[in-house]
C-alpha cells in the first residue's frame, strides 16, 4: 500500500504569519486538531496542534491574537512522498515518534496527511496497535510523593 492510497486529503493549511487566534478559530470551524503551516507555494514549513496552543501559548500567557503561529509551531514536519510505501511511513513515524506524516508531491507541495487514525483504518489491528504504542510512548513521570500521581486538584469523590 502507498501513501496516496491511505492519506487523508481533508486538511487545513495556513500561513506562518497567521495569529494563534486565527488558527484556533479555524480548528474549531473545521473540527480538526492539527493545522499544516505552509509557504505561498503550499510547501509545509511546520505543524501546530490544539495541544501546542494550550501548552506553548495559553500556559505561558501569550496573547493568541498577537502571537504568530510560527512562534510556537513545530518546524520541519515529517513528510513523505505520495508514492512512499506504508512500511517506510510507519518506520519514519516510529523513528521520529510522531503520530502524523504530511504527504507531499514531487514538488514538495502538501497533498495529504497520514495519521494513526488512517493506519488503524487500513492496517491490521496488531500492527496498528504496536505502531500506536511506539509513537505515543511518553516518559514515565513519578511525582515526589513516592510514585503516586498528584494532579494538584485535591481529593475527588465518586
N, C-alpha and C. Protein backbone atom coordinates (compact mmCIF):
# COMPACT_ATOMS: atom_id res chain seq x y z
N UNK A 1 0.84 -1.18 0.00
CA UNK A 1 0.00 0.00 0.00
C UNK A 1 0.90 1.25 0.00
N UNK A 2 0.49 2.26 -0.70
CA UNK A 2 1.24 3.51 -0.84
C UNK A 2 0.56 4.64 -0.06
N UNK A 3 1.33 5.67 0.23
CA UNK A 3 0.81 6.81 0.99
C UNK A 3 -0.42 7.41 0.33
N UNK A 4 -0.43 7.53 -0.99
CA UNK A 4 -1.56 8.13 -1.70
C UNK A 4 -2.85 7.36 -1.49
N UNK A 5 -2.75 6.06 -1.20
CA UNK A 5 -3.93 5.22 -1.02
C UNK A 5 -4.54 5.36 0.38
N UNK A 6 -3.76 5.80 1.33
CA UNK A 6 -4.22 5.85 2.71
C UNK A 6 -4.37 7.28 3.23
N UNK A 7 -3.69 8.25 2.61
CA UNK A 7 -3.68 9.62 3.13
C UNK A 7 -5.07 10.25 3.11
N UNK A 8 -5.27 11.13 4.06
CA UNK A 8 -6.50 11.91 4.15
C UNK A 8 -6.23 13.23 3.44
N UNK A 9 -7.04 13.57 2.48
CA UNK A 9 -6.83 14.81 1.74
C UNK A 9 -7.62 15.97 2.34
N UNK A 10 -8.39 15.69 3.40
CA UNK A 10 -9.08 16.77 4.10
C UNK A 10 -8.12 17.30 5.16
N UNK A 11 -7.55 18.45 4.89
CA UNK A 11 -6.61 19.04 5.84
C UNK A 11 -6.73 20.56 5.77
N UNK A 12 -6.18 21.19 6.78
CA UNK A 12 -6.23 22.65 6.86
C UNK A 12 -4.80 23.16 6.80
N UNK A 13 -4.55 24.13 5.91
CA UNK A 13 -3.24 24.75 5.79
C UNK A 13 -3.39 26.25 6.00
N UNK A 14 -2.44 26.83 6.73
CA UNK A 14 -2.44 28.27 6.98
C UNK A 14 -1.02 28.79 6.81
N UNK A 15 -0.85 30.09 6.94
CA UNK A 15 0.44 30.75 6.75
C UNK A 15 1.15 30.96 8.08
N UNK A 16 2.49 31.04 8.06
CA UNK A 16 3.26 31.20 9.30
C UNK A 16 2.99 32.51 10.04
N UNK A 17 2.51 33.53 9.35
CA UNK A 17 2.23 34.80 10.00
C UNK A 17 0.83 34.91 10.58
N UNK A 18 -0.02 33.93 10.32
CA UNK A 18 -1.37 33.96 10.89
C UNK A 18 -1.28 33.88 12.41
N UNK A 19 -2.21 34.52 13.08
CA UNK A 19 -2.19 34.53 14.55
C UNK A 19 -2.70 33.20 15.11
N UNK A 20 -2.31 32.93 16.34
CA UNK A 20 -2.80 31.74 17.02
C UNK A 20 -4.32 31.78 17.15
N UNK A 21 -4.87 32.97 17.31
CA UNK A 21 -6.32 33.12 17.39
C UNK A 21 -6.97 32.65 16.09
N UNK A 22 -6.41 33.07 14.96
CA UNK A 22 -6.94 32.64 13.66
C UNK A 22 -6.84 31.12 13.50
N UNK A 23 -5.74 30.56 13.93
CA UNK A 23 -5.54 29.12 13.82
C UNK A 23 -6.55 28.39 14.70
N UNK A 24 -6.71 28.84 15.94
CA UNK A 24 -7.65 28.20 16.86
C UNK A 24 -9.09 28.28 16.33
N UNK A 25 -9.46 29.43 15.79
CA UNK A 25 -10.80 29.58 15.22
C UNK A 25 -11.00 28.63 14.05
N UNK A 26 -9.99 28.52 13.21
CA UNK A 26 -10.09 27.63 12.05
C UNK A 26 -10.19 26.18 12.49
N UNK A 27 -9.41 25.81 13.52
CA UNK A 27 -9.50 24.45 14.06
C UNK A 27 -10.92 24.16 14.54
N UNK A 28 -11.50 25.11 15.24
CA UNK A 28 -12.86 24.93 15.76
C UNK A 28 -13.86 24.82 14.61
N UNK A 29 -13.75 25.70 13.63
CA UNK A 29 -14.69 25.69 12.49
C UNK A 29 -14.57 24.43 11.65
N UNK A 30 -13.35 23.96 11.44
CA UNK A 30 -13.11 22.79 10.58
C UNK A 30 -13.13 21.48 11.36
N UNK A 31 -13.18 21.58 12.70
CA UNK A 31 -13.18 20.41 13.59
C UNK A 31 -11.96 19.53 13.37
N UNK A 32 -10.78 20.17 13.39
CA UNK A 32 -9.52 19.45 13.26
C UNK A 32 -8.64 19.78 14.46
N UNK A 33 -7.69 18.92 14.74
CA UNK A 33 -6.77 19.13 15.85
C UNK A 33 -5.37 19.49 15.40
N UNK A 34 -5.15 19.57 14.10
CA UNK A 34 -3.83 19.91 13.56
C UNK A 34 -4.01 20.80 12.34
N UNK A 35 -3.11 21.78 12.22
CA UNK A 35 -3.09 22.66 11.06
C UNK A 35 -1.68 22.62 10.49
N UNK A 36 -1.59 22.47 9.18
CA UNK A 36 -0.31 22.49 8.49
C UNK A 36 0.04 23.94 8.17
N UNK A 37 1.25 24.34 8.46
CA UNK A 37 1.71 25.70 8.18
C UNK A 37 2.58 25.63 6.93
N UNK A 38 2.14 26.33 5.88
CA UNK A 38 2.80 26.24 4.57
C UNK A 38 3.21 27.62 4.06
N UNK A 39 4.19 27.63 3.16
CA UNK A 39 4.57 28.87 2.49
C UNK A 39 3.60 29.15 1.35
N UNK A 40 3.88 30.18 0.57
CA UNK A 40 2.99 30.58 -0.52
C UNK A 40 2.85 29.48 -1.58
N UNK A 41 3.84 28.63 -1.71
CA UNK A 41 3.82 27.55 -2.69
C UNK A 41 3.20 26.27 -2.16
N UNK A 42 2.61 26.32 -0.97
CA UNK A 42 1.96 25.19 -0.31
C UNK A 42 2.96 24.11 0.12
N UNK A 43 4.21 24.52 0.37
CA UNK A 43 5.23 23.62 0.89
C UNK A 43 5.18 23.69 2.41
N UNK A 44 5.06 22.55 3.09
CA UNK A 44 4.96 22.56 4.56
C UNK A 44 6.21 23.10 5.23
N UNK A 45 5.99 24.02 6.17
CA UNK A 45 7.06 24.59 6.99
C UNK A 45 7.00 24.07 8.42
N UNK A 46 5.81 23.67 8.85
CA UNK A 46 5.60 23.21 10.21
C UNK A 46 4.18 22.76 10.41
N UNK A 47 3.89 22.36 11.64
CA UNK A 47 2.54 22.00 12.03
C UNK A 47 2.26 22.57 13.41
N UNK A 48 0.99 22.73 13.70
CA UNK A 48 0.58 23.14 15.04
C UNK A 48 -0.67 22.36 15.41
N UNK A 49 -0.72 21.90 16.64
CA UNK A 49 -1.87 21.15 17.12
C UNK A 49 -2.60 21.95 18.18
N UNK A 50 -3.81 21.51 18.48
CA UNK A 50 -4.56 22.15 19.54
C UNK A 50 -3.80 22.06 20.87
N UNK A 51 -3.11 20.95 21.08
CA UNK A 51 -2.31 20.78 22.30
C UNK A 51 -1.16 21.78 22.34
N UNK A 52 -0.53 22.04 21.19
CA UNK A 52 0.55 23.04 21.13
C UNK A 52 0.04 24.40 21.59
N UNK A 53 -1.14 24.78 21.14
CA UNK A 53 -1.69 26.09 21.51
C UNK A 53 -1.88 26.17 23.02
N UNK A 54 -2.38 25.10 23.61
CA UNK A 54 -2.62 25.10 25.05
C UNK A 54 -1.30 25.12 25.83
N UNK A 55 -0.37 24.22 25.48
CA UNK A 55 0.85 24.08 26.28
C UNK A 55 1.93 25.10 25.96
N UNK A 56 1.99 25.60 24.75
CA UNK A 56 3.05 26.53 24.37
C UNK A 56 2.61 27.99 24.37
N UNK A 57 1.32 28.23 24.37
CA UNK A 57 0.84 29.62 24.32
C UNK A 57 -0.02 29.95 25.54
N UNK A 58 -1.13 29.28 25.69
CA UNK A 58 -2.04 29.59 26.80
C UNK A 58 -1.36 29.42 28.16
N UNK A 59 -0.65 28.32 28.34
CA UNK A 59 0.00 28.05 29.63
C UNK A 59 1.08 29.08 29.95
N UNK A 60 1.60 29.75 28.92
CA UNK A 60 2.64 30.76 29.13
C UNK A 60 2.08 32.18 29.09
N UNK A 61 0.78 32.30 28.93
CA UNK A 61 0.14 33.61 28.93
C UNK A 61 0.36 34.42 27.67
N UNK A 62 0.69 33.77 26.57
CA UNK A 62 0.88 34.50 25.32
C UNK A 62 -0.47 34.98 24.79
N UNK A 63 -0.46 36.11 24.14
CA UNK A 63 -1.66 36.64 23.52
C UNK A 63 -1.94 35.86 22.24
N UNK A 64 -3.11 35.25 22.17
CA UNK A 64 -3.45 34.48 20.97
C UNK A 64 -3.62 35.38 19.76
N UNK A 65 -4.12 36.57 19.98
CA UNK A 65 -4.35 37.47 18.84
C UNK A 65 -3.06 38.14 18.36
N UNK A 66 -2.05 38.24 19.22
CA UNK A 66 -0.82 38.95 18.86
C UNK A 66 0.35 38.02 18.53
N UNK A 67 0.20 36.72 18.78
CA UNK A 67 1.30 35.79 18.57
C UNK A 67 1.13 35.07 17.23
N UNK A 68 2.13 35.18 16.34
CA UNK A 68 2.05 34.45 15.06
C UNK A 68 2.29 32.97 15.29
N UNK A 69 1.69 32.16 14.45
CA UNK A 69 1.78 30.72 14.60
C UNK A 69 3.22 30.23 14.52
N UNK A 70 4.06 30.90 13.73
CA UNK A 70 5.45 30.43 13.60
C UNK A 70 6.25 30.57 14.89
N UNK A 71 5.71 31.30 15.86
CA UNK A 71 6.41 31.45 17.14
C UNK A 71 6.35 30.17 17.97
N UNK A 72 5.34 29.34 17.75
CA UNK A 72 5.22 28.13 18.58
C UNK A 72 5.01 26.85 17.78
N UNK A 73 4.93 26.94 16.47
CA UNK A 73 4.69 25.74 15.66
C UNK A 73 5.87 24.78 15.77
N UNK A 74 5.62 23.53 15.47
CA UNK A 74 6.70 22.54 15.37
C UNK A 74 7.25 22.63 13.95
N UNK A 75 8.50 23.08 13.80
CA UNK A 75 9.06 23.23 12.46
C UNK A 75 9.51 21.89 11.90
N UNK A 76 9.83 21.87 10.63
CA UNK A 76 10.36 20.69 9.95
C UNK A 76 9.50 19.44 10.19
N UNK A 77 8.25 19.49 9.73
CA UNK A 77 7.38 18.33 9.95
C UNK A 77 7.86 17.12 9.17
N UNK A 78 7.50 15.96 9.65
CA UNK A 78 7.84 14.72 8.95
C UNK A 78 6.98 14.64 7.69
N UNK A 79 7.63 14.44 6.56
CA UNK A 79 6.93 14.34 5.28
C UNK A 79 7.32 13.04 4.58
N UNK A 80 6.47 12.65 3.66
CA UNK A 80 6.77 11.51 2.80
C UNK A 80 6.23 11.82 1.42
N UNK A 81 6.77 11.17 0.42
CA UNK A 81 6.23 11.30 -0.92
C UNK A 81 4.93 10.52 -1.03
N UNK A 82 4.08 10.91 -1.96
CA UNK A 82 2.80 10.24 -2.11
C UNK A 82 2.96 8.78 -2.55
N UNK A 83 4.11 8.43 -3.10
CA UNK A 83 4.35 7.06 -3.52
C UNK A 83 5.16 6.25 -2.51
N UNK A 84 5.40 6.82 -1.33
CA UNK A 84 6.13 6.09 -0.29
C UNK A 84 5.31 4.88 0.15
N UNK A 85 6.00 3.80 0.47
CA UNK A 85 5.30 2.61 0.96
C UNK A 85 4.87 2.83 2.40
N UNK A 86 3.85 2.11 2.83
CA UNK A 86 3.40 2.24 4.21
C UNK A 86 4.47 1.76 5.18
N UNK A 87 5.29 0.81 4.78
CA UNK A 87 6.39 0.38 5.64
C UNK A 87 7.34 1.55 5.90
N UNK A 88 7.64 2.32 4.85
CA UNK A 88 8.52 3.49 5.01
C UNK A 88 7.87 4.54 5.91
N UNK A 89 6.59 4.79 5.71
CA UNK A 89 5.87 5.78 6.51
C UNK A 89 5.86 5.36 7.97
N UNK A 90 5.52 4.13 8.24
CA UNK A 90 5.45 3.65 9.62
C UNK A 90 6.81 3.65 10.30
N UNK A 91 7.83 3.28 9.57
CA UNK A 91 9.18 3.30 10.14
C UNK A 91 9.60 4.72 10.50
N UNK A 92 9.27 5.67 9.63
CA UNK A 92 9.59 7.07 9.90
C UNK A 92 8.82 7.58 11.13
N UNK A 93 7.56 7.19 11.24
CA UNK A 93 6.76 7.58 12.40
C UNK A 93 7.38 7.03 13.69
N UNK A 94 7.77 5.77 13.67
CA UNK A 94 8.41 5.15 14.83
C UNK A 94 9.70 5.88 15.18
N UNK A 95 10.52 6.12 14.17
CA UNK A 95 11.83 6.74 14.38
C UNK A 95 11.70 8.14 14.97
N UNK A 96 10.77 8.95 14.45
CA UNK A 96 10.59 10.33 14.93
C UNK A 96 9.64 10.43 16.11
N UNK A 97 8.89 9.36 16.39
CA UNK A 97 7.95 9.38 17.50
C UNK A 97 6.79 10.33 17.28
N UNK A 98 6.31 10.39 16.04
CA UNK A 98 5.18 11.27 15.72
C UNK A 98 4.00 10.46 15.21
N UNK A 99 2.83 10.99 15.41
CA UNK A 99 1.62 10.30 15.00
C UNK A 99 1.03 10.78 13.70
N UNK A 100 1.71 11.71 13.03
CA UNK A 100 1.20 12.23 11.76
C UNK A 100 2.36 12.48 10.79
N UNK A 101 2.09 12.19 9.52
CA UNK A 101 3.07 12.42 8.46
C UNK A 101 2.36 13.21 7.37
N UNK A 102 3.01 14.25 6.87
CA UNK A 102 2.44 15.03 5.77
C UNK A 102 2.90 14.42 4.46
N UNK A 103 1.95 14.16 3.58
CA UNK A 103 2.27 13.62 2.25
C UNK A 103 2.44 14.79 1.29
N UNK A 104 3.53 14.74 0.51
CA UNK A 104 3.83 15.82 -0.43
C UNK A 104 4.04 15.24 -1.83
N UNK A 105 3.79 16.09 -2.84
CA UNK A 105 4.00 15.66 -4.23
C UNK A 105 5.47 15.83 -4.60
N UNK A 106 5.78 15.61 -5.87
CA UNK A 106 7.17 15.68 -6.35
C UNK A 106 7.80 17.05 -6.13
N UNK A 107 6.99 18.10 -6.12
CA UNK A 107 7.49 19.46 -5.92
C UNK A 107 7.53 19.84 -4.45
N UNK A 108 7.17 18.92 -3.56
CA UNK A 108 7.19 19.21 -2.13
C UNK A 108 5.94 19.89 -1.62
N UNK A 109 4.90 19.97 -2.45
CA UNK A 109 3.65 20.62 -2.04
C UNK A 109 2.77 19.65 -1.25
N UNK A 110 2.12 20.17 -0.25
CA UNK A 110 1.24 19.39 0.61
C UNK A 110 0.06 18.82 -0.17
N UNK A 111 -0.15 17.52 -0.03
CA UNK A 111 -1.29 16.89 -0.71
C UNK A 111 -2.19 16.10 0.23
N UNK A 112 -1.67 15.72 1.39
CA UNK A 112 -2.47 14.93 2.31
C UNK A 112 -1.76 14.74 3.63
N UNK A 113 -2.43 14.04 4.53
CA UNK A 113 -1.87 13.75 5.84
C UNK A 113 -2.20 12.31 6.21
N UNK A 114 -1.25 11.65 6.83
CA UNK A 114 -1.45 10.28 7.31
C UNK A 114 -1.29 10.32 8.81
N UNK A 115 -2.35 9.93 9.51
CA UNK A 115 -2.30 9.89 10.97
C UNK A 115 -2.49 8.45 11.43
N UNK A 116 -2.36 8.25 12.72
CA UNK A 116 -2.60 6.92 13.26
C UNK A 116 -4.02 6.46 12.95
N UNK A 117 -4.96 7.40 12.84
CA UNK A 117 -6.35 7.03 12.53
C UNK A 117 -6.44 6.34 11.17
N UNK A 118 -5.75 6.87 10.17
CA UNK A 118 -5.76 6.24 8.85
C UNK A 118 -5.10 4.86 8.92
N UNK A 119 -4.03 4.76 9.66
CA UNK A 119 -3.34 3.48 9.77
C UNK A 119 -4.24 2.46 10.47
N UNK A 120 -4.92 2.87 11.52
CA UNK A 120 -5.85 1.96 12.21
C UNK A 120 -6.95 1.50 11.26
N UNK A 121 -7.36 2.38 10.37
CA UNK A 121 -8.44 2.04 9.44
C UNK A 121 -8.01 1.04 8.37
N UNK A 122 -6.78 1.17 7.88
CA UNK A 122 -6.33 0.37 6.75
C UNK A 122 -5.43 -0.80 7.09
N UNK A 123 -4.79 -0.78 8.23
CA UNK A 123 -3.83 -1.83 8.57
C UNK A 123 -4.43 -2.83 9.56
N UNK A 124 -3.72 -3.90 9.80
CA UNK A 124 -4.17 -4.90 10.77
C UNK A 124 -4.12 -4.30 12.17
N UNK A 125 -5.06 -4.67 13.03
CA UNK A 125 -5.06 -4.14 14.40
C UNK A 125 -3.78 -4.44 15.16
N UNK A 126 -3.18 -5.59 14.92
CA UNK A 126 -1.95 -5.95 15.61
C UNK A 126 -0.82 -4.99 15.25
N UNK A 127 -0.64 -4.73 13.95
CA UNK A 127 0.41 -3.81 13.50
C UNK A 127 0.10 -2.39 13.94
N UNK A 128 -1.15 -1.98 13.78
CA UNK A 128 -1.53 -0.61 14.14
C UNK A 128 -1.35 -0.37 15.63
N UNK A 129 -1.69 -1.37 16.44
CA UNK A 129 -1.53 -1.24 17.89
C UNK A 129 -0.08 -1.08 18.30
N UNK A 130 0.79 -1.89 17.70
CA UNK A 130 2.23 -1.80 18.01
C UNK A 130 2.78 -0.43 17.61
N UNK A 131 2.38 0.07 16.44
CA UNK A 131 2.84 1.39 15.99
C UNK A 131 2.32 2.47 16.93
N UNK A 132 1.05 2.40 17.30
CA UNK A 132 0.46 3.39 18.20
C UNK A 132 1.19 3.43 19.53
N UNK A 133 1.48 2.25 20.08
CA UNK A 133 2.20 2.19 21.34
C UNK A 133 3.56 2.86 21.23
N UNK A 134 4.27 2.57 20.16
CA UNK A 134 5.62 3.12 19.96
C UNK A 134 5.58 4.63 19.78
N UNK A 135 4.63 5.11 19.01
CA UNK A 135 4.55 6.54 18.71
C UNK A 135 4.08 7.34 19.92
N UNK A 136 3.17 6.77 20.71
CA UNK A 136 2.59 7.53 21.81
C UNK A 136 3.29 7.30 23.14
N UNK A 137 4.42 6.60 23.16
CA UNK A 137 5.15 6.41 24.40
C UNK A 137 5.53 7.75 25.00
N UNK A 138 5.34 7.85 26.26
CA UNK A 138 5.74 9.05 26.98
C UNK A 138 6.66 8.62 28.12
N UNK A 139 7.55 9.49 28.47
CA UNK A 139 8.43 9.20 29.59
C UNK A 139 7.59 9.09 30.85
N UNK A 140 7.80 8.02 31.62
CA UNK A 140 7.06 7.82 32.84
C UNK A 140 7.53 8.84 33.87
N UNK A 141 6.61 9.61 34.39
CA UNK A 141 6.96 10.64 35.36
C UNK A 141 6.47 10.23 36.73
N UNK A 142 7.35 10.27 37.69
CA UNK A 142 6.99 9.92 39.05
C UNK A 142 7.00 11.20 39.87
N UNK A 143 5.89 11.43 40.57
CA UNK A 143 5.79 12.61 41.42
C UNK A 143 6.62 12.38 42.68
N UNK A 144 7.11 13.46 43.30
CA UNK A 144 7.92 13.31 44.51
C UNK A 144 7.11 12.81 45.70
N UNK A 145 5.87 12.43 45.51
CA UNK A 145 5.03 11.93 46.59
C UNK A 145 5.21 10.44 46.80
N UNK A 146 6.26 9.87 46.23
CA UNK A 146 6.52 8.45 46.41
C UNK A 146 5.98 7.60 45.27
N UNK A 147 5.71 8.22 44.14
CA UNK A 147 5.27 7.45 42.99
C UNK A 147 3.78 7.55 42.72
N UNK A 148 3.04 8.22 43.58
CA UNK A 148 1.61 8.38 43.35
C UNK A 148 1.39 9.63 42.53
N UNK A 149 0.45 9.55 41.63
CA UNK A 149 0.14 10.70 40.79
C UNK A 149 -0.56 11.75 41.62
N UNK A 150 -0.11 12.98 41.51
CA UNK A 150 -0.73 14.10 42.22
C UNK A 150 -1.12 15.14 41.19
N UNK A 151 -2.40 15.27 40.94
CA UNK A 151 -2.87 16.24 39.96
C UNK A 151 -2.90 17.64 40.51
N UNK A 152 -2.78 17.78 41.83
CA UNK A 152 -2.85 19.10 42.43
C UNK A 152 -4.27 19.58 42.65
N UNK A 153 -5.25 18.73 42.35
CA UNK A 153 -6.65 19.13 42.47
C UNK A 153 -7.26 18.72 43.80
N UNK A 154 -6.53 17.97 44.61
CA UNK A 154 -7.08 17.52 45.88
C UNK A 154 -7.94 16.28 45.68
N UNK A 155 -8.53 15.80 46.77
CA UNK A 155 -9.31 14.56 46.69
C UNK A 155 -10.57 14.75 45.83
N UNK A 156 -10.93 13.69 45.16
CA UNK A 156 -12.13 13.69 44.33
C UNK A 156 -13.06 12.60 44.82
N UNK A 157 -14.31 12.93 44.98
CA UNK A 157 -15.29 11.92 45.41
C UNK A 157 -16.02 11.39 44.20
N UNK A 158 -16.29 10.13 44.23
CA UNK A 158 -17.02 9.50 43.13
C UNK A 158 -18.41 9.13 43.59
